[in-house]
């Protein structure tokens, strides 16, 4: 994992849905992760400016700043930041989701996502070389 020896890998989750933020806190944190949860892309960018994270999980559709703009800003601040994109099916074109990999996302998952799939994707993304 990419965390320093003796520290937990940290995950920044940016999602406007409180239920999804709670999922991370209650289901992912017990696997040894420090979870920092924010409500939108603007808060995610501010968090990235303040400190590095092992992984960022960005929702695509959020108020104030959505995933596409947040991903671009995160790339400008920390070009090697590992990012997973999460999306609902509210945009039938999935234009951003289909290009997320070329924009630097390690994976794109669609809600609702199975907990096992989410955890496996997180483990893979954190374990990959930058």
N, C-alpha and C. Protein backbone atom coordinates (compact mmCIF):
# COMPACT_ATOMS: atom_id res chain seq x y z
N UNK A 1 0.84 -1.18 0.00
CA UNK A 1 0.00 0.00 0.00
C UNK A 1 0.88 1.24 0.00
N UNK A 2 0.30 2.37 -0.35
CA UNK A 2 1.10 3.56 -0.53
C UNK A 2 1.30 4.37 0.73
N UNK A 3 0.70 4.00 1.83
CA UNK A 3 0.86 4.77 3.06
C UNK A 3 2.23 4.50 3.66
N UNK A 4 2.72 5.47 4.39
CA UNK A 4 4.00 5.33 5.06
C UNK A 4 3.90 4.23 6.12
N UNK A 5 5.04 3.65 6.45
CA UNK A 5 5.06 2.58 7.45
C UNK A 5 4.43 3.06 8.75
N UNK A 6 3.53 2.26 9.29
CA UNK A 6 2.90 2.59 10.56
C UNK A 6 1.68 3.49 10.44
N UNK A 7 1.33 3.93 9.25
CA UNK A 7 0.15 4.76 9.08
C UNK A 7 -0.86 4.04 8.21
N UNK A 8 -2.12 4.40 8.39
CA UNK A 8 -3.18 3.81 7.58
C UNK A 8 -3.27 4.51 6.24
N UNK A 9 -3.58 3.78 5.18
CA UNK A 9 -3.86 4.44 3.90
C UNK A 9 -5.07 5.36 4.07
N UNK A 10 -5.03 6.51 3.44
CA UNK A 10 -6.11 7.48 3.59
C UNK A 10 -6.91 7.58 2.30
N UNK A 11 -8.23 7.65 2.46
CA UNK A 11 -9.13 7.78 1.33
C UNK A 11 -9.98 9.02 1.52
N UNK A 12 -9.98 9.88 0.52
CA UNK A 12 -10.87 11.03 0.49
C UNK A 12 -12.07 10.64 -0.37
N UNK A 13 -13.26 10.70 0.22
CA UNK A 13 -14.48 10.39 -0.50
C UNK A 13 -15.26 11.69 -0.68
N UNK A 14 -15.55 12.02 -1.93
CA UNK A 14 -16.35 13.21 -2.24
C UNK A 14 -17.66 12.76 -2.87
N UNK A 15 -18.73 12.89 -2.12
CA UNK A 15 -20.04 12.45 -2.60
C UNK A 15 -21.10 13.25 -1.87
N UNK A 16 -22.07 13.77 -2.60
CA UNK A 16 -23.13 14.55 -1.98
C UNK A 16 -24.18 13.68 -1.28
N UNK A 17 -24.12 12.38 -1.47
CA UNK A 17 -25.06 11.47 -0.82
C UNK A 17 -24.50 11.02 0.53
N UNK A 18 -25.18 11.43 1.60
CA UNK A 18 -24.71 11.09 2.94
C UNK A 18 -24.64 9.57 3.13
N UNK A 19 -25.55 8.83 2.52
CA UNK A 19 -25.55 7.38 2.65
C UNK A 19 -24.28 6.75 2.09
N UNK A 20 -23.78 7.29 1.00
CA UNK A 20 -22.55 6.74 0.44
C UNK A 20 -21.35 7.12 1.30
N UNK A 21 -21.34 8.33 1.83
CA UNK A 21 -20.24 8.71 2.74
C UNK A 21 -20.26 7.82 3.99
N UNK A 22 -21.47 7.53 4.49
CA UNK A 22 -21.60 6.65 5.65
C UNK A 22 -21.12 5.23 5.33
N UNK A 23 -21.41 4.75 4.12
CA UNK A 23 -20.94 3.43 3.70
C UNK A 23 -19.43 3.33 3.86
N UNK A 24 -18.73 4.34 3.39
CA UNK A 24 -17.27 4.35 3.53
C UNK A 24 -16.85 4.33 4.99
N UNK A 25 -17.47 5.19 5.77
CA UNK A 25 -17.09 5.29 7.17
C UNK A 25 -17.30 3.97 7.90
N UNK A 26 -18.44 3.35 7.70
CA UNK A 26 -18.78 2.15 8.47
C UNK A 26 -18.33 0.84 7.85
N UNK A 27 -18.14 0.79 6.55
CA UNK A 27 -17.81 -0.48 5.89
C UNK A 27 -16.37 -0.54 5.37
N UNK A 28 -15.81 0.57 4.98
CA UNK A 28 -14.46 0.56 4.42
C UNK A 28 -13.41 0.86 5.49
N UNK A 29 -13.70 1.78 6.40
CA UNK A 29 -12.73 2.13 7.44
C UNK A 29 -12.25 0.94 8.27
N UNK A 30 -13.12 -0.02 8.63
CA UNK A 30 -12.64 -1.16 9.41
C UNK A 30 -11.58 -2.02 8.70
N UNK A 31 -11.41 -1.82 7.40
CA UNK A 31 -10.39 -2.56 6.66
C UNK A 31 -9.02 -1.87 6.75
N UNK A 32 -8.91 -0.91 7.66
CA UNK A 32 -7.62 -0.27 7.91
C UNK A 32 -7.40 1.04 7.18
N UNK A 33 -8.46 1.68 6.73
CA UNK A 33 -8.33 2.94 6.01
C UNK A 33 -8.77 4.11 6.87
N UNK A 34 -8.06 5.21 6.74
CA UNK A 34 -8.52 6.48 7.30
C UNK A 34 -9.44 7.09 6.24
N UNK A 35 -10.67 7.43 6.63
CA UNK A 35 -11.63 7.99 5.70
C UNK A 35 -11.86 9.46 6.02
N UNK A 36 -11.73 10.30 5.00
CA UNK A 36 -12.10 11.71 5.10
C UNK A 36 -13.22 11.91 4.09
N UNK A 37 -14.38 12.34 4.56
CA UNK A 37 -15.55 12.48 3.67
C UNK A 37 -15.93 13.94 3.52
N UNK A 38 -16.18 14.33 2.27
CA UNK A 38 -16.63 15.68 1.96
C UNK A 38 -17.84 15.61 1.05
N UNK A 39 -18.58 16.73 0.96
CA UNK A 39 -19.87 16.74 0.28
C UNK A 39 -19.84 17.11 -1.19
N UNK A 40 -18.74 17.67 -1.68
CA UNK A 40 -18.72 18.09 -3.08
C UNK A 40 -17.28 18.22 -3.58
N UNK A 41 -17.17 18.48 -4.87
CA UNK A 41 -15.85 18.57 -5.50
C UNK A 41 -15.02 19.73 -5.00
N UNK A 42 -15.66 20.85 -4.68
CA UNK A 42 -14.92 22.00 -4.16
C UNK A 42 -14.24 21.65 -2.84
N UNK A 43 -14.96 20.98 -1.96
CA UNK A 43 -14.36 20.55 -0.69
C UNK A 43 -13.26 19.52 -0.93
N UNK A 44 -13.42 18.68 -1.94
CA UNK A 44 -12.39 17.69 -2.27
C UNK A 44 -11.10 18.39 -2.72
N UNK A 45 -11.24 19.39 -3.56
CA UNK A 45 -10.06 20.13 -4.03
C UNK A 45 -9.37 20.80 -2.85
N UNK A 46 -10.13 21.40 -1.96
CA UNK A 46 -9.53 22.04 -0.77
C UNK A 46 -8.80 21.01 0.09
N UNK A 47 -9.38 19.83 0.24
CA UNK A 47 -8.72 18.77 1.03
C UNK A 47 -7.42 18.33 0.37
N UNK A 48 -7.42 18.20 -0.96
CA UNK A 48 -6.22 17.80 -1.70
C UNK A 48 -5.14 18.88 -1.60
N UNK A 49 -5.56 20.13 -1.59
CA UNK A 49 -4.58 21.23 -1.41
C UNK A 49 -3.91 21.14 -0.05
N UNK A 50 -4.66 20.67 0.95
CA UNK A 50 -4.15 20.62 2.32
C UNK A 50 -3.23 19.45 2.60
N UNK A 51 -3.45 18.31 1.92
CA UNK A 51 -2.65 17.12 2.22
C UNK A 51 -2.83 16.06 1.14
N UNK A 52 -1.89 15.14 1.02
CA UNK A 52 -2.05 14.03 0.07
C UNK A 52 -2.95 12.93 0.66
N UNK A 53 -3.52 12.14 -0.23
CA UNK A 53 -4.33 10.97 0.15
C UNK A 53 -3.83 9.77 -0.64
N UNK A 54 -4.01 8.59 -0.09
CA UNK A 54 -3.67 7.37 -0.82
C UNK A 54 -4.59 7.20 -2.02
N UNK A 55 -5.84 7.64 -1.89
CA UNK A 55 -6.84 7.48 -2.93
C UNK A 55 -7.93 8.52 -2.76
N UNK A 56 -8.47 8.98 -3.89
CA UNK A 56 -9.64 9.86 -3.88
C UNK A 56 -10.76 9.14 -4.63
N UNK A 57 -11.95 9.13 -4.04
CA UNK A 57 -13.13 8.57 -4.69
C UNK A 57 -14.08 9.74 -4.95
N UNK A 58 -14.30 10.02 -6.23
CA UNK A 58 -15.10 11.18 -6.65
C UNK A 58 -16.43 10.74 -7.25
N UNK A 59 -17.50 11.29 -6.73
CA UNK A 59 -18.79 11.14 -7.38
C UNK A 59 -18.78 12.06 -8.60
N UNK A 60 -19.48 11.68 -9.65
CA UNK A 60 -19.52 12.50 -10.86
C UNK A 60 -20.46 13.68 -10.68
N UNK A 61 -21.65 13.43 -10.15
CA UNK A 61 -22.69 14.46 -10.07
C UNK A 61 -22.80 14.98 -8.65
N UNK A 62 -22.22 16.19 -8.41
CA UNK A 62 -22.26 16.83 -7.10
C UNK A 62 -22.54 18.32 -7.28
N UNK A 63 -23.12 18.96 -6.25
CA UNK A 63 -23.32 20.41 -6.33
C UNK A 63 -21.99 21.15 -6.15
N UNK A 64 -21.99 22.40 -6.50
CA UNK A 64 -20.86 23.33 -6.35
C UNK A 64 -19.71 23.03 -7.31
N UNK A 65 -19.28 21.80 -7.38
CA UNK A 65 -18.26 21.37 -8.35
C UNK A 65 -18.39 19.87 -8.51
N UNK A 66 -18.69 19.43 -9.72
CA UNK A 66 -18.87 18.01 -9.98
C UNK A 66 -17.54 17.29 -10.17
N UNK A 67 -17.62 16.00 -10.36
CA UNK A 67 -16.45 15.16 -10.52
C UNK A 67 -15.53 15.55 -11.66
N UNK A 68 -16.06 15.87 -12.85
CA UNK A 68 -15.16 16.21 -13.96
C UNK A 68 -14.26 17.41 -13.66
N UNK A 69 -14.84 18.49 -13.14
CA UNK A 69 -14.03 19.67 -12.82
C UNK A 69 -13.10 19.38 -11.65
N UNK A 70 -13.60 18.66 -10.65
CA UNK A 70 -12.76 18.32 -9.49
C UNK A 70 -11.58 17.47 -9.92
N UNK A 71 -11.80 16.50 -10.81
CA UNK A 71 -10.70 15.65 -11.28
C UNK A 71 -9.64 16.49 -11.99
N UNK A 72 -10.07 17.42 -12.83
CA UNK A 72 -9.11 18.28 -13.53
C UNK A 72 -8.31 19.12 -12.54
N UNK A 73 -8.95 19.65 -11.54
CA UNK A 73 -8.23 20.47 -10.54
C UNK A 73 -7.30 19.62 -9.69
N UNK A 74 -7.76 18.42 -9.32
CA UNK A 74 -6.90 17.52 -8.55
C UNK A 74 -5.66 17.16 -9.36
N UNK A 75 -5.83 16.88 -10.64
CA UNK A 75 -4.69 16.57 -11.53
C UNK A 75 -3.71 17.73 -11.58
N UNK A 76 -4.21 18.97 -11.55
CA UNK A 76 -3.33 20.15 -11.57
C UNK A 76 -2.55 20.28 -10.26
N UNK A 77 -3.17 19.92 -9.15
CA UNK A 77 -2.53 20.05 -7.84
C UNK A 77 -1.59 18.89 -7.56
N UNK A 78 -2.08 17.67 -7.80
CA UNK A 78 -1.31 16.44 -7.52
C UNK A 78 -1.44 15.52 -8.73
N UNK A 79 -0.58 15.67 -9.73
CA UNK A 79 -0.71 14.90 -10.97
C UNK A 79 -0.71 13.38 -10.78
N UNK A 80 -0.07 12.88 -9.75
CA UNK A 80 0.01 11.43 -9.55
C UNK A 80 -1.07 10.89 -8.61
N UNK A 81 -2.01 11.73 -8.20
CA UNK A 81 -3.05 11.31 -7.26
C UNK A 81 -3.88 10.17 -7.86
N UNK A 82 -4.06 9.12 -7.09
CA UNK A 82 -4.92 8.00 -7.51
C UNK A 82 -6.36 8.39 -7.29
N UNK A 83 -7.20 8.18 -8.29
CA UNK A 83 -8.61 8.57 -8.23
C UNK A 83 -9.48 7.46 -8.80
N UNK A 84 -10.60 7.21 -8.13
CA UNK A 84 -11.67 6.35 -8.63
C UNK A 84 -12.89 7.23 -8.81
N UNK A 85 -13.59 7.07 -9.91
CA UNK A 85 -14.80 7.83 -10.18
C UNK A 85 -16.01 6.94 -9.92
N UNK A 86 -17.01 7.51 -9.24
CA UNK A 86 -18.26 6.80 -8.97
C UNK A 86 -19.38 7.57 -9.65
N UNK A 87 -20.28 6.86 -10.30
CA UNK A 87 -21.35 7.53 -11.01
C UNK A 87 -22.67 6.81 -10.84
N UNK A 88 -23.72 7.60 -10.82
CA UNK A 88 -25.06 7.03 -10.92
C UNK A 88 -25.38 6.93 -12.40
N UNK A 89 -26.50 6.43 -12.71
CA UNK A 89 -26.86 6.29 -14.12
C UNK A 89 -27.72 7.46 -14.58
N UNK A 90 -27.61 8.63 -13.93
CA UNK A 90 -28.48 9.76 -14.27
C UNK A 90 -28.12 10.41 -15.59
N UNK A 91 -26.91 10.20 -16.09
CA UNK A 91 -26.53 10.74 -17.39
C UNK A 91 -26.45 9.58 -18.38
N UNK A 92 -27.47 9.43 -19.22
CA UNK A 92 -27.49 8.26 -20.10
C UNK A 92 -26.34 8.22 -21.10
N UNK A 93 -25.73 9.34 -21.41
CA UNK A 93 -24.61 9.33 -22.38
C UNK A 93 -23.33 8.80 -21.74
N UNK A 94 -23.19 8.95 -20.43
CA UNK A 94 -21.97 8.54 -19.71
C UNK A 94 -20.72 9.09 -20.38
N UNK A 95 -20.82 10.30 -20.91
CA UNK A 95 -19.70 10.91 -21.63
C UNK A 95 -18.46 11.01 -20.75
N UNK A 96 -18.60 11.60 -19.56
CA UNK A 96 -17.45 11.74 -18.67
C UNK A 96 -16.94 10.38 -18.22
N UNK A 97 -17.87 9.50 -17.84
CA UNK A 97 -17.48 8.20 -17.31
C UNK A 97 -16.66 7.41 -18.33
N UNK A 98 -17.02 7.51 -19.60
CA UNK A 98 -16.30 6.76 -20.62
C UNK A 98 -14.91 7.35 -20.88
N UNK A 99 -14.70 8.61 -20.52
CA UNK A 99 -13.38 9.22 -20.73
C UNK A 99 -12.59 9.35 -19.44
N UNK A 100 -13.13 8.90 -18.31
CA UNK A 100 -12.48 9.09 -17.02
C UNK A 100 -11.08 8.47 -16.98
N UNK A 101 -10.90 7.31 -17.60
CA UNK A 101 -9.59 6.66 -17.62
C UNK A 101 -8.55 7.51 -18.33
N UNK A 102 -8.92 8.09 -19.44
CA UNK A 102 -7.96 8.93 -20.17
C UNK A 102 -7.68 10.23 -19.43
N UNK A 103 -8.56 10.60 -18.49
CA UNK A 103 -8.35 11.79 -17.68
C UNK A 103 -7.60 11.48 -16.39
N UNK A 104 -7.23 10.23 -16.19
CA UNK A 104 -6.40 9.87 -15.05
C UNK A 104 -7.08 9.08 -13.95
N UNK A 105 -8.34 8.71 -14.11
CA UNK A 105 -9.00 7.90 -13.09
C UNK A 105 -8.55 6.45 -13.22
N UNK A 106 -8.34 5.78 -12.09
CA UNK A 106 -7.94 4.37 -12.08
C UNK A 106 -9.09 3.45 -12.44
N UNK A 107 -10.32 3.88 -12.13
CA UNK A 107 -11.49 3.06 -12.39
C UNK A 107 -12.72 3.94 -12.36
N UNK A 108 -13.79 3.45 -12.97
CA UNK A 108 -15.09 4.10 -12.91
C UNK A 108 -16.10 3.03 -12.52
N UNK A 109 -16.76 3.24 -11.39
CA UNK A 109 -17.78 2.32 -10.91
C UNK A 109 -19.14 2.99 -10.98
N UNK A 110 -20.18 2.18 -11.15
CA UNK A 110 -21.53 2.71 -11.22
C UNK A 110 -22.32 2.29 -10.00
N UNK A 111 -23.04 3.25 -9.42
CA UNK A 111 -23.90 3.01 -8.27
C UNK A 111 -25.18 2.34 -8.74
N UNK A 112 -25.78 1.47 -7.98
CA UNK A 112 -25.25 0.96 -6.72
C UNK A 112 -24.13 -0.04 -6.98
N UNK A 113 -23.11 0.04 -6.16
CA UNK A 113 -21.97 -0.84 -6.32
C UNK A 113 -21.95 -1.83 -5.15
N UNK A 114 -21.59 -3.05 -5.44
CA UNK A 114 -21.47 -4.07 -4.39
C UNK A 114 -20.26 -3.74 -3.53
N UNK A 115 -20.38 -3.94 -2.23
CA UNK A 115 -19.30 -3.63 -1.30
C UNK A 115 -18.02 -4.38 -1.66
N UNK A 116 -18.13 -5.66 -2.04
CA UNK A 116 -16.94 -6.45 -2.41
C UNK A 116 -16.24 -5.86 -3.63
N UNK A 117 -17.03 -5.43 -4.63
CA UNK A 117 -16.44 -4.82 -5.83
C UNK A 117 -15.76 -3.51 -5.48
N UNK A 118 -16.39 -2.70 -4.63
CA UNK A 118 -15.82 -1.43 -4.22
C UNK A 118 -14.51 -1.64 -3.48
N UNK A 119 -14.49 -2.55 -2.53
CA UNK A 119 -13.28 -2.82 -1.75
C UNK A 119 -12.17 -3.36 -2.66
N UNK A 120 -12.49 -4.26 -3.57
CA UNK A 120 -11.48 -4.80 -4.49
C UNK A 120 -10.91 -3.69 -5.38
N UNK A 121 -11.76 -2.79 -5.85
CA UNK A 121 -11.29 -1.69 -6.69
C UNK A 121 -10.39 -0.75 -5.90
N UNK A 122 -10.75 -0.48 -4.65
CA UNK A 122 -9.92 0.36 -3.79
C UNK A 122 -8.56 -0.28 -3.57
N UNK A 123 -8.55 -1.56 -3.23
CA UNK A 123 -7.29 -2.27 -2.97
C UNK A 123 -6.40 -2.27 -4.22
N UNK A 124 -7.00 -2.50 -5.37
CA UNK A 124 -6.24 -2.49 -6.61
C UNK A 124 -5.67 -1.11 -6.91
N UNK A 125 -6.48 -0.07 -6.76
CA UNK A 125 -6.03 1.29 -7.04
C UNK A 125 -4.92 1.73 -6.11
N UNK A 126 -5.03 1.39 -4.85
CA UNK A 126 -3.99 1.78 -3.89
C UNK A 126 -2.72 0.99 -4.13
N UNK A 127 -2.85 -0.26 -4.55
CA UNK A 127 -1.68 -1.10 -4.78
C UNK A 127 -0.94 -0.83 -6.07
N UNK A 128 -1.58 -0.15 -7.04
CA UNK A 128 -0.93 0.12 -8.33
C UNK A 128 0.15 1.18 -8.18
N UNK A 129 1.12 1.06 -9.04
CA UNK A 129 2.17 2.08 -9.09
C UNK A 129 1.60 3.34 -9.72
N UNK A 130 2.09 4.53 -9.28
CA UNK A 130 1.59 5.77 -9.88
C UNK A 130 1.88 5.86 -11.35
